[in-house]
Every structure is written in C-alpha cells, then in structure tokens.
Amino acid sequence: MLIGYARVSTRDQEGHLQLDALREAGCGKIFEETASGARRERPELNAALEFMRADDTLVVWKLDRLARSTRQLLETIEQLSSQHMGFKA
C-alpha cells in the first residue's frame, strides 16, 4: 500500500498541492501535519510509520516535506528499509 505524508510548516500554508499529488500517486491513506521541519517530534509522521506494514511505501511530495537535513532523511529511509518498507518522493 502507498502511504502518503504531507506537511506544511505554518497554518498559513496550504497543503492542497501535496494532497493532490499524493492522491494522484495512488496513496491509499494520507497523513497530514502542520509542523516546522526543524521539529523532530511529528505526531502524524509517527502515526504514518506505525500504520505501515512490510511492503508498504511511504510517499512524500518533496524530500523537504519529510526531513530538514540529509541525516534526518537517511535515518528515516534506513528505518523504513530495515522494516522492509519503501520510500518514494
């Protein structure tokens, strides 16, 4: 199953472009969040990761929606990989 994750940084931003792209990509479930990329704690991202099962794929509109740094991005992708889950941006 494709699992979408959309994040906007502020309440003034709109996530409709992300949501439209995730729906068009075929995501069966989408988790939305309003949180700064600098924050490590993201409840909706955690919920998406907990929802996922082996062979599921996490889908984001752009890499910066998932992680603020290369290190954070790699850690998340390694976590997915170790649980036999995929990633797509």
PDB file of N, CA and C in Angstrom:
ATOM      1  N   MET A   1       0.846  -1.181   0.000  1.00  0.00           N
ATOM      2  CA  MET A   1       0.000   0.000   0.000  1.00  0.00           C
ATOM      3  C   MET A   1       0.891   1.244   0.000  1.00  0.00           C
ATOM      4  N   LEU A   2       0.468   2.260  -0.706  1.00  0.00           N
ATOM      5  CA  LEU A   2       1.168   3.539  -0.690  1.00  0.00           C
ATOM      6  C   LEU A   2       0.563   4.396   0.413  1.00  0.00           C
ATOM      7  N   ILE A   3       1.422   4.901   1.303  1.00  0.00           N
ATOM      8  CA  ILE A   3       1.020   5.726   2.430  1.00  0.00           C
ATOM      9  C   ILE A   3       1.588   7.123   2.210  1.00  0.00           C
ATOM     10  N   GLY A   4       0.734   8.128   2.138  1.00  0.00           N
ATOM     11  CA  GLY A   4       1.180   9.493   1.900  1.00  0.00           C
ATOM     12  C   GLY A   4       1.416  10.261   3.185  1.00  0.00           C
ATOM     13  N   TYR A   5       2.399  11.158   3.141  1.00  0.00           N
ATOM     14  CA  TYR A   5       2.670  12.058   4.261  1.00  0.00           C
ATOM     15  C   TYR A   5       2.823  13.467   3.705  1.00  0.00           C
ATOM     16  N   ALA A   6       1.972  14.385   4.182  1.00  0.00           N
ATOM     17  CA  ALA A   6       2.011  15.782   3.753  1.00  0.00           C
ATOM     18  C   ALA A   6       2.279  16.653   4.971  1.00  0.00           C
ATOM     19  N   ARG A   7       3.178  17.632   4.810  1.00  0.00           N
ATOM     20  CA  ARG A   7       3.484  18.540   5.921  1.00  0.00           C
ATOM     21  C   ARG A   7       3.590  19.959   5.410  1.00  0.00           C
ATOM     22  N   VAL A   8       2.924  20.872   6.120  1.00  0.00           N
ATOM     23  CA  VAL A   8       3.120  22.299   5.889  1.00  0.00           C
ATOM     24  C   VAL A   8       3.755  22.866   7.142  1.00  0.00           C
ATOM     25  N   SER A   9       4.539  23.926   6.985  1.00  0.00           N
ATOM     26  CA  SER A   9       5.290  24.473   8.112  1.00  0.00           C
ATOM     27  C   SER A   9       4.480  25.406   8.992  1.00  0.00           C
ATOM     28  N   THR A  10       3.513  26.097   8.401  1.00  0.00           N
ATOM     29  CA  THR A  10       2.716  27.052   9.176  1.00  0.00           C
ATOM     30  C   THR A  10       1.249  26.889   8.824  1.00  0.00           C
ATOM     31  N   ARG A  11       0.394  27.398   9.671  1.00  0.00           N
ATOM     32  CA  ARG A  11      -1.051  27.322   9.429  1.00  0.00           C
ATOM     33  C   ARG A  11      -1.455  28.168   8.221  1.00  0.00           C
ATOM     34  N   ASP A  12      -0.611  29.130   7.829  1.00  0.00           N
ATOM     35  CA  ASP A  12      -0.924  29.982   6.682  1.00  0.00           C
ATOM     36  C   ASP A  12      -0.697  29.259   5.353  1.00  0.00           C
ATOM     37  N   GLN A  13       0.117  28.224   5.379  1.00  0.00           N
ATOM     38  CA  GLN A  13       0.382  27.485   4.157  1.00  0.00           C
ATOM     39  C   GLN A  13      -0.748  26.495   3.900  1.00  0.00           C
ATOM     40  N   GLU A  14      -0.932  26.175   2.640  1.00  0.00           N
ATOM     41  CA  GLU A  14      -1.954  25.210   2.275  1.00  0.00           C
ATOM     42  C   GLU A  14      -1.288  23.975   1.687  1.00  0.00           C
ATOM     43  N   GLY A  15      -1.781  22.830   2.049  1.00  0.00           N
ATOM     44  CA  GLY A  15      -1.182  21.587   1.593  1.00  0.00           C
ATOM     45  C   GLY A  15      -1.893  20.952   0.419  1.00  0.00           C
ATOM     46  N   HIS A  16      -2.788  21.695  -0.246  1.00  0.00           N
ATOM     47  CA  HIS A  16      -3.587  21.074  -1.308  1.00  0.00           C
ATOM     48  C   HIS A  16      -2.750  20.540  -2.464  1.00  0.00           C
ATOM     49  N   LEU A  17      -1.640  21.191  -2.802  1.00  0.00           N
ATOM     50  CA  LEU A  17      -0.793  20.680  -3.882  1.00  0.00           C
ATOM     51  C   LEU A  17      -0.204  19.330  -3.502  1.00  0.00           C
ATOM     52  N   GLN A  18       0.238  19.232  -2.247  1.00  0.00           N
ATOM     53  CA  GLN A  18       0.786  17.961  -1.767  1.00  0.00           C
ATOM     54  C   GLN A  18      -0.282  16.870  -1.765  1.00  0.00           C
ATOM     55  N   LEU A  19      -1.441  17.209  -1.213  1.00  0.00           N
ATOM     56  CA  LEU A  19      -2.520  16.225  -1.109  1.00  0.00           C
ATOM     57  C   LEU A  19      -2.977  15.756  -2.485  1.00  0.00           C
ATOM     58  N   ASP A  20      -3.108  16.685  -3.423  1.00  0.00           N
ATOM     59  CA  ASP A  20      -3.497  16.314  -4.783  1.00  0.00           C
ATOM     60  C   ASP A  20      -2.471  15.368  -5.402  1.00  0.00           C
ATOM     61  N   ALA A  21      -1.197  15.676  -5.223  1.00  0.00           N
ATOM     62  CA  ALA A  21      -0.135  14.841  -5.787  1.00  0.00           C
ATOM     63  C   ALA A  21      -0.118  13.456  -5.142  1.00  0.00           C
ATOM     64  N   LEU A  22      -0.333  13.393  -3.834  1.00  0.00           N
ATOM     65  CA  LEU A  22      -0.340  12.099  -3.146  1.00  0.00           C
ATOM     66  C   LEU A  22      -1.532  11.252  -3.582  1.00  0.00           C
ATOM     67  N   ARG A  23      -2.681  11.888  -3.752  1.00  0.00           N
ATOM     68  CA  ARG A  23      -3.862  11.152  -4.233  1.00  0.00           C
ATOM     69  C   ARG A  23      -3.619  10.637  -5.656  1.00  0.00           C
ATOM     70  N   GLU A  24      -3.041  11.498  -6.493  1.00  0.00           N
ATOM     71  CA  GLU A  24      -2.771  11.105  -7.874  1.00  0.00           C
ATOM     72  C   GLU A  24      -1.746   9.974  -7.939  1.00  0.00           C
ATOM     73  N   ALA A  25      -0.842   9.922  -6.975  1.00  0.00           N
ATOM     74  CA  ALA A  25       0.161   8.858  -6.919  1.00  0.00           C
ATOM     75  C   ALA A  25      -0.446   7.526  -6.487  1.00  0.00           C
ATOM     76  N   GLY A  26      -1.688   7.572  -5.985  1.00  0.00           N
ATOM     77  CA  GLY A  26      -2.364   6.339  -5.607  1.00  0.00           C
ATOM     78  C   GLY A  26      -2.287   5.983  -4.132  1.00  0.00           C
ATOM     79  N   CYS A  27      -2.005   6.956  -3.296  1.00  0.00           N
ATOM     80  CA  CYS A  27      -1.900   6.679  -1.859  1.00  0.00           C
ATOM     81  C   CYS A  27      -3.255   6.243  -1.306  1.00  0.00           C
ATOM     82  N   GLY A  28      -3.248   5.135  -0.597  1.00  0.00           N
ATOM     83  CA  GLY A  28      -4.463   4.609  -0.002  1.00  0.00           C
ATOM     84  C   GLY A  28      -4.825   5.294   1.295  1.00  0.00           C
ATOM     85  N   LYS A  29      -3.830   5.863   1.958  1.00  0.00           N
ATOM     86  CA  LYS A  29      -4.044   6.604   3.204  1.00  0.00           C
ATOM     87  C   LYS A  29      -3.045   7.742   3.223  1.00  0.00           C
ATOM     88  N   ILE A  30      -3.499   8.912   3.701  1.00  0.00           N
ATOM     89  CA  ILE A  30      -2.635  10.092   3.748  1.00  0.00           C
ATOM     90  C   ILE A  30      -2.681  10.690   5.151  1.00  0.00           C
ATOM     91  N   PHE A  31      -1.509  10.977   5.680  1.00  0.00           N
ATOM     92  CA  PHE A  31      -1.369  11.629   6.974  1.00  0.00           C
ATOM     93  C   PHE A  31      -0.933  13.067   6.728  1.00  0.00           C
ATOM     94  N   GLU A  32      -1.633  14.030   7.345  1.00  0.00           N
ATOM     95  CA  GLU A  32      -1.346  15.460   7.170  1.00  0.00           C
ATOM     96  C   GLU A  32      -0.846  16.057   8.475  1.00  0.00           C
ATOM     97  N   GLU A  33       0.074  17.016   8.359  1.00  0.00           N
ATOM     98  CA  GLU A  33       0.628  17.628   9.564  1.00  0.00           C
ATOM     99  C   GLU A  33       0.995  19.089   9.316  1.00  0.00           C
ATOM    100  N   THR A  34       0.830  19.904  10.348  1.00  0.00           N
ATOM    101  CA  THR A  34       1.344  21.275  10.348  1.00  0.00           C
ATOM    102  C   THR A  34       2.424  21.326  11.411  1.00  0.00           C
ATOM    103  N   ALA A  35       3.669  21.394  10.957  1.00  0.00           N
ATOM    104  CA  ALA A  35       4.797  21.390  11.888  1.00  0.00           C
ATOM    105  C   ALA A  35       6.033  21.900  11.166  1.00  0.00           C
ATOM    106  N   SER A  36       6.876  22.579  11.889  1.00  0.00           N
ATOM    107  CA  SER A  36       8.146  23.034  11.338  1.00  0.00           C
ATOM    108  C   SER A  36       9.021  21.832  11.018  1.00  0.00           C
ATOM    109  N   GLY A  37       9.753  21.920   9.929  1.00  0.00           N
ATOM    110  CA  GLY A  37      10.681  20.857   9.569  1.00  0.00           C
ATOM    111  C   GLY A  37      11.788  20.682  10.579  1.00  0.00           C
ATOM    112  N   ALA A  38      12.055  21.709  11.360  1.00  0.00           N
ATOM    113  CA  ALA A  38      13.121  21.650  12.350  1.00  0.00           C
ATOM    114  C   ALA A  38      12.720  20.816  13.576  1.00  0.00           C
ATOM    115  N   ARG A  39      11.425  20.651  13.774  1.00  0.00           N
ATOM    116  CA  ARG A  39      10.951  19.855  14.917  1.00  0.00           C
ATOM    117  C   ARG A  39      11.153  18.381  14.657  1.00  0.00           C
ATOM    118  N   ARG A  40      11.752  17.687  15.607  1.00  0.00           N
ATOM    119  CA  ARG A  40      11.946  16.248  15.459  1.00  0.00           C
ATOM    120  C   ARG A  40      10.661  15.479  15.741  1.00  0.00           C
ATOM    121  N   GLU A  41       9.854  15.998  16.657  1.00  0.00           N
ATOM    122  CA  GLU A  41       8.617  15.319  17.017  1.00  0.00           C
ATOM    123  C   GLU A  41       7.507  15.699  16.055  1.00  0.00           C
ATOM    124  N   ARG A  42       7.024  14.723  15.312  1.00  0.00           N
ATOM    125  CA  ARG A  42       5.923  14.942  14.383  1.00  0.00           C
ATOM    126  C   ARG A  42       4.928  13.800  14.563  1.00  0.00           C
ATOM    127  N   PRO A  43       3.857  14.065  15.313  1.00  0.00           N
ATOM    128  CA  PRO A  43       2.892  13.002  15.624  1.00  0.00           C
ATOM    129  C   PRO A  43       2.296  12.313  14.397  1.00  0.00           C
ATOM    130  N   GLU A  44       1.998  13.064  13.347  1.00  0.00           N
ATOM    131  CA  GLU A  44       1.386  12.447  12.165  1.00  0.00           C
ATOM    132  C   GLU A  44       2.380  11.599  11.385  1.00  0.00           C
ATOM    133  N   LEU A  45       3.641  12.022  11.341  1.00  0.00           N
ATOM    134  CA  LEU A  45       4.659  11.189  10.701  1.00  0.00           C
ATOM    135  C   LEU A  45       4.822   9.901  11.501  1.00  0.00           C
ATOM    136  N   ASN A  46       4.874  10.025  12.810  1.00  0.00           N
ATOM    137  CA  ASN A  46       4.972   8.824  13.654  1.00  0.00           C
ATOM    138  C   ASN A  46       3.771   7.911  13.436  1.00  0.00           C
ATOM    139  N   ALA A  47       2.582   8.490  13.326  1.00  0.00           N
ATOM    140  CA  ALA A  47       1.378   7.694  13.086  1.00  0.00           C
ATOM    141  C   ALA A  47       1.466   6.971  11.741  1.00  0.00           C
ATOM    142  N   ALA A  48       1.974   7.662  10.726  1.00  0.00           N
ATOM    143  CA  ALA A  48       2.128   7.033   9.410  1.00  0.00           C
ATOM    144  C   ALA A  48       3.094   5.867   9.485  1.00  0.00           C
ATOM    145  N   LEU A  49       4.216   6.065  10.167  1.00  0.00           N
ATOM    146  CA  LEU A  49       5.220   4.995  10.282  1.00  0.00           C
ATOM    147  C   LEU A  49       4.680   3.815  11.077  1.00  0.00           C
ATOM    148  N   GLU A  50       3.889   4.073  12.097  1.00  0.00           N
ATOM    149  CA  GLU A  50       3.288   2.994  12.880  1.00  0.00           C
ATOM    150  C   GLU A  50       2.201   2.267  12.095  1.00  0.00           C
ATOM    151  N   PHE A  51       1.513   2.976  11.222  1.00  0.00           N
ATOM    152  CA  PHE A  51       0.453   2.394  10.401  1.00  0.00           C
ATOM    153  C   PHE A  51       1.012   1.441   9.351  1.00  0.00           C
ATOM    154  N   MET A  52       2.202   1.748   8.859  1.00  0.00           N
ATOM    155  CA  MET A  52       2.797   0.996   7.755  1.00  0.00           C
ATOM    156  C   MET A  52       3.155  -0.426   8.157  1.00  0.00           C
ATOM    157  N   ARG A  53       3.070  -1.313   7.153  1.00  0.00           N
ATOM    158  CA  ARG A  53       3.434  -2.722   7.296  1.00  0.00           C
ATOM    159  C   ARG A  53       4.480  -3.060   6.237  1.00  0.00           C
ATOM    160  N   ALA A  54       5.096  -4.226   6.374  1.00  0.00           N
ATOM    161  CA  ALA A  54       6.086  -4.667   5.391  1.00  0.00           C
ATOM    162  C   ALA A  54       5.500  -4.564   3.989  1.00  0.00           C
ATOM    163  N   ASP A  55       6.302  -4.135   3.060  1.00  0.00           N
ATOM    164  CA  ASP A  55       5.964  -3.941   1.647  1.00  0.00           C
ATOM    165  C   ASP A  55       5.161  -2.681   1.363  1.00  0.00           C
ATOM    166  N   ASP A  56       4.785  -1.902   2.384  1.00  0.00           N
ATOM    167  CA  ASP A  56       4.163  -0.599   2.157  1.00  0.00           C
ATOM    168  C   ASP A  56       5.247   0.395   1.748  1.00  0.00           C
ATOM    169  N   THR A  57       4.835   1.493   1.138  1.00  0.00           N
ATOM    170  CA  THR A  57       5.769   2.531   0.706  1.00  0.00           C
ATOM    171  C   THR A  57       5.288   3.889   1.205  1.00  0.00           C
ATOM    172  N   LEU A  58       6.189   4.624   1.857  1.00  0.00           N
ATOM    173  CA  LEU A  58       5.896   5.987   2.288  1.00  0.00           C
ATOM    174  C   LEU A  58       6.143   6.923   1.107  1.00  0.00           C
ATOM    175  N   VAL A  59       5.158   7.774   0.814  1.00  0.00           N
ATOM    176  CA  VAL A  59       5.254   8.685  -0.327  1.00  0.00           C
ATOM    177  C   VAL A  59       5.154  10.119   0.171  1.00  0.00           C
ATOM    178  N   VAL A  60       6.094  10.962  -0.272  1.00  0.00           N
ATOM    179  CA  VAL A  60       6.049  12.391   0.040  1.00  0.00           C
ATOM    180  C   VAL A  60       6.134  13.162  -1.269  1.00  0.00           C
ATOM    181  N   TRP A  61       5.608  14.402  -1.240  1.00  0.00           N
ATOM    182  CA  TRP A  61       5.611  15.246  -2.428  1.00  0.00           C
ATOM    183  C   TRP A  61       7.031  15.674  -2.779  1.00  0.00           C
ATOM    184  N   LYS A  62       7.777  16.115  -1.773  1.00  0.00           N
ATOM    185  CA  LYS A  62       9.172  16.531  -1.939  1.00  0.00           C
ATOM    186  C   LYS A  62       9.954  16.066  -0.715  1.00  0.00           C
ATOM    187  N   LEU A  63      11.242  15.887  -0.890  1.00  0.00           N
ATOM    188  CA  LEU A  63      12.086  15.417   0.212  1.00  0.00           C
ATOM    189  C   LEU A  63      12.025  16.329   1.430  1.00  0.00           C
ATOM    190  N   ASP A  64      11.922  17.645   1.209  1.00  0.00           N
ATOM    191  CA  ASP A  64      11.922  18.561   2.345  1.00  0.00           C
ATOM    192  C   ASP A  64      10.646  18.489   3.181  1.00  0.00           C
ATOM    193  N   ARG A  65       9.631  17.791   2.695  1.00  0.00           N
ATOM    194  CA  ARG A  65       8.417  17.597   3.483  1.00  0.00           C
ATOM    195  C   ARG A  65       8.635  16.517   4.545  1.00  0.00           C
ATOM    196  N   LEU A  66       9.596  15.635   4.313  1.00  0.00           N
ATOM    197  CA  LEU A  66       9.879  14.550   5.252  1.00  0.00           C
ATOM    198  C   LEU A  66      10.966  14.930   6.237  1.00  0.00           C
ATOM    199  N   ALA A  67      12.012  15.579   5.766  1.00  0.00           N
ATOM    200  CA  ALA A  67      13.172  15.821   6.625  1.00  0.00           C
ATOM    201  C   ALA A  67      13.791  17.179   6.344  1.00  0.00           C
ATOM    202  N   ARG A  68      14.384  17.734   7.372  1.00  0.00           N
ATOM    203  CA  ARG A  68      15.038  19.038   7.271  1.00  0.00           C
ATOM    204  C   ARG A  68      16.514  18.903   6.898  1.00  0.00           C
ATOM    205  N   SER A  69      17.092  17.744   7.233  1.00  0.00           N
ATOM    206  CA  SER A  69      18.519  17.538   6.971  1.00  0.00           C
ATOM    207  C   SER A  69      18.728  16.198   6.269  1.00  0.00           C
ATOM    208  N   THR A  70      19.875  16.071   5.642  1.00  0.00           N
ATOM    209  CA  THR A  70      20.224  14.816   4.989  1.00  0.00           C
ATOM    210  C   THR A  70      20.295  13.696   6.016  1.00  0.00           C
ATOM    211  N   ARG A  71      20.852  13.994   7.161  1.00  0.00           N
ATOM    212  CA  ARG A  71      20.958  12.988   8.229  1.00  0.00           C
ATOM    213  C   ARG A  71      19.575  12.466   8.637  1.00  0.00           C
ATOM    214  N   GLN A  72      18.648  13.387   8.865  1.00  0.00           N
ATOM    215  CA  GLN A  72      17.298  13.007   9.263  1.00  0.00           C
ATOM    216  C   GLN A  72      16.615  12.184   8.160  1.00  0.00           C
ATOM    217  N   LEU A  73      16.819  12.573   6.916  1.00  0.00           N
ATOM    218  CA  LEU A  73      16.255  11.846   5.786  1.00  0.00           C
ATOM    219  C   LEU A  73      16.812  10.430   5.723  1.00  0.00           C
ATOM    220  N   LEU A  74      18.114  10.305   5.831  1.00  0.00           N
ATOM    221  CA  LEU A  74      18.742   8.983   5.773  1.00  0.00           C
ATOM    222  C   LEU A  74      18.307   8.092   6.933  1.00  0.00           C
ATOM    223  N   GLU A  75      18.184   8.653   8.111  1.00  0.00           N
ATOM    224  CA  GLU A  75      17.727   7.876   9.264  1.00  0.00           C
ATOM    225  C   GLU A  75      16.332   7.314   9.024  1.00  0.00           C
ATOM    226  N   THR A  76      15.457   8.135   8.479  1.00  0.00           N
ATOM    227  CA  THR A  76      14.085   7.691   8.220  1.00  0.00           C
ATOM    228  C   THR A  76      14.059   6.612   7.144  1.00  0.00           C
ATOM    229  N   ILE A  77      14.811   6.812   6.078  1.00  0.00           N
ATOM    230  CA  ILE A  77      14.845   5.817   4.997  1.00  0.00           C
ATOM    231  C   ILE A  77      15.466   4.513   5.490  1.00  0.00           C
ATOM    232  N   GLU A  78      16.502   4.586   6.308  1.00  0.00           N
ATOM    233  CA  GLU A  78      17.106   3.378   6.869  1.00  0.00           C
ATOM    234  C   GLU A  78      16.123   2.644   7.769  1.00  0.00           C
ATOM    235  N   GLN A  79      15.337   3.397   8.549  1.00  0.00           N
ATOM    236  CA  GLN A  79      14.322   2.792   9.409  1.00  0.00           C
ATOM    237  C   GLN A  79      13.292   2.046   8.548  1.00  0.00           C
ATOM    238  N   LEU A  80      12.839   2.680   7.481  1.00  0.00           N
ATOM    239  CA  LEU A  80      11.880   2.038   6.584  1.00  0.00           C
ATOM    240  C   LEU A  80      12.472   0.777   5.960  1.00  0.00           C
ATOM    241  N   SER A  81      13.679   0.891   5.475  1.00  0.00           N
ATOM    242  CA  SER A  81      14.344  -0.228   4.829  1.00  0.00           C
ATOM    243  C   SER A  81      14.508  -1.422   5.767  1.00  0.00           C
ATOM    244  N   SER A  82      14.871  -1.142   7.011  1.00  0.00           N
ATOM    245  CA  SER A  82      15.078  -2.225   7.980  1.00  0.00           C
ATOM    246  C   SER A  82      13.782  -2.969   8.298  1.00  0.00           C
ATOM    247  N   GLN A  83      12.641  -2.322   8.016  1.00  0.00           N
ATOM    248  CA  GLN A  83      11.338  -2.942   8.256  1.00  0.00           C
ATOM    249  C   GLN A  83      10.689  -3.409   6.950  1.00  0.00           C
ATOM    250  N   HIS A  84      11.507  -3.503   5.882  1.00  0.00           N
ATOM    251  CA  HIS A  84      11.056  -3.962   4.571  1.00  0.00           C
ATOM    252  C   HIS A  84       9.950  -3.078   3.998  1.00  0.00           C
ATOM    253  N   MET A  85      10.143  -1.768   4.166  1.00  0.00           N
ATOM    254  CA  MET A  85       9.210  -0.767   3.654  1.00  0.00           C
ATOM    255  C   MET A  85       9.948   0.112   2.652  1.00  0.00           C
ATOM    256  N   GLY A  86       9.202   0.683   1.725  1.00  0.00           N
ATOM    257  CA  GLY A  86       9.804   1.502   0.698  1.00  0.00           C
ATOM    258  C   GLY A  86       9.606   2.992   0.947  1.00  0.00           C
ATOM    259  N   PHE A  87      10.240   3.772   0.068  1.00  0.00           N
ATOM    260  CA  PHE A  87      10.127   5.233   0.132  1.00  0.00           C
ATOM    261  C   PHE A  87      10.101   5.780  -1.282  1.00  0.00           C
ATOM    262  N   LYS A  88       9.239   6.785  -1.477  1.00  0.00           N
ATOM    263  CA  LYS A  88       9.134   7.413  -2.793  1.00  0.00           C
ATOM    264  C   LYS A  88       8.862   8.895  -2.616  1.00  0.00           C
ATOM    265  N   ALA A  89       9.564   9.702  -3.384  1.00  0.00           N
ATOM    266  CA  ALA A  89       9.334  11.157  -3.363  1.00  0.00           C
ATOM    267  C   ALA A  89       9.011  11.610  -4.775  1.00  0.00           C
TER     268      ALA A  89
END
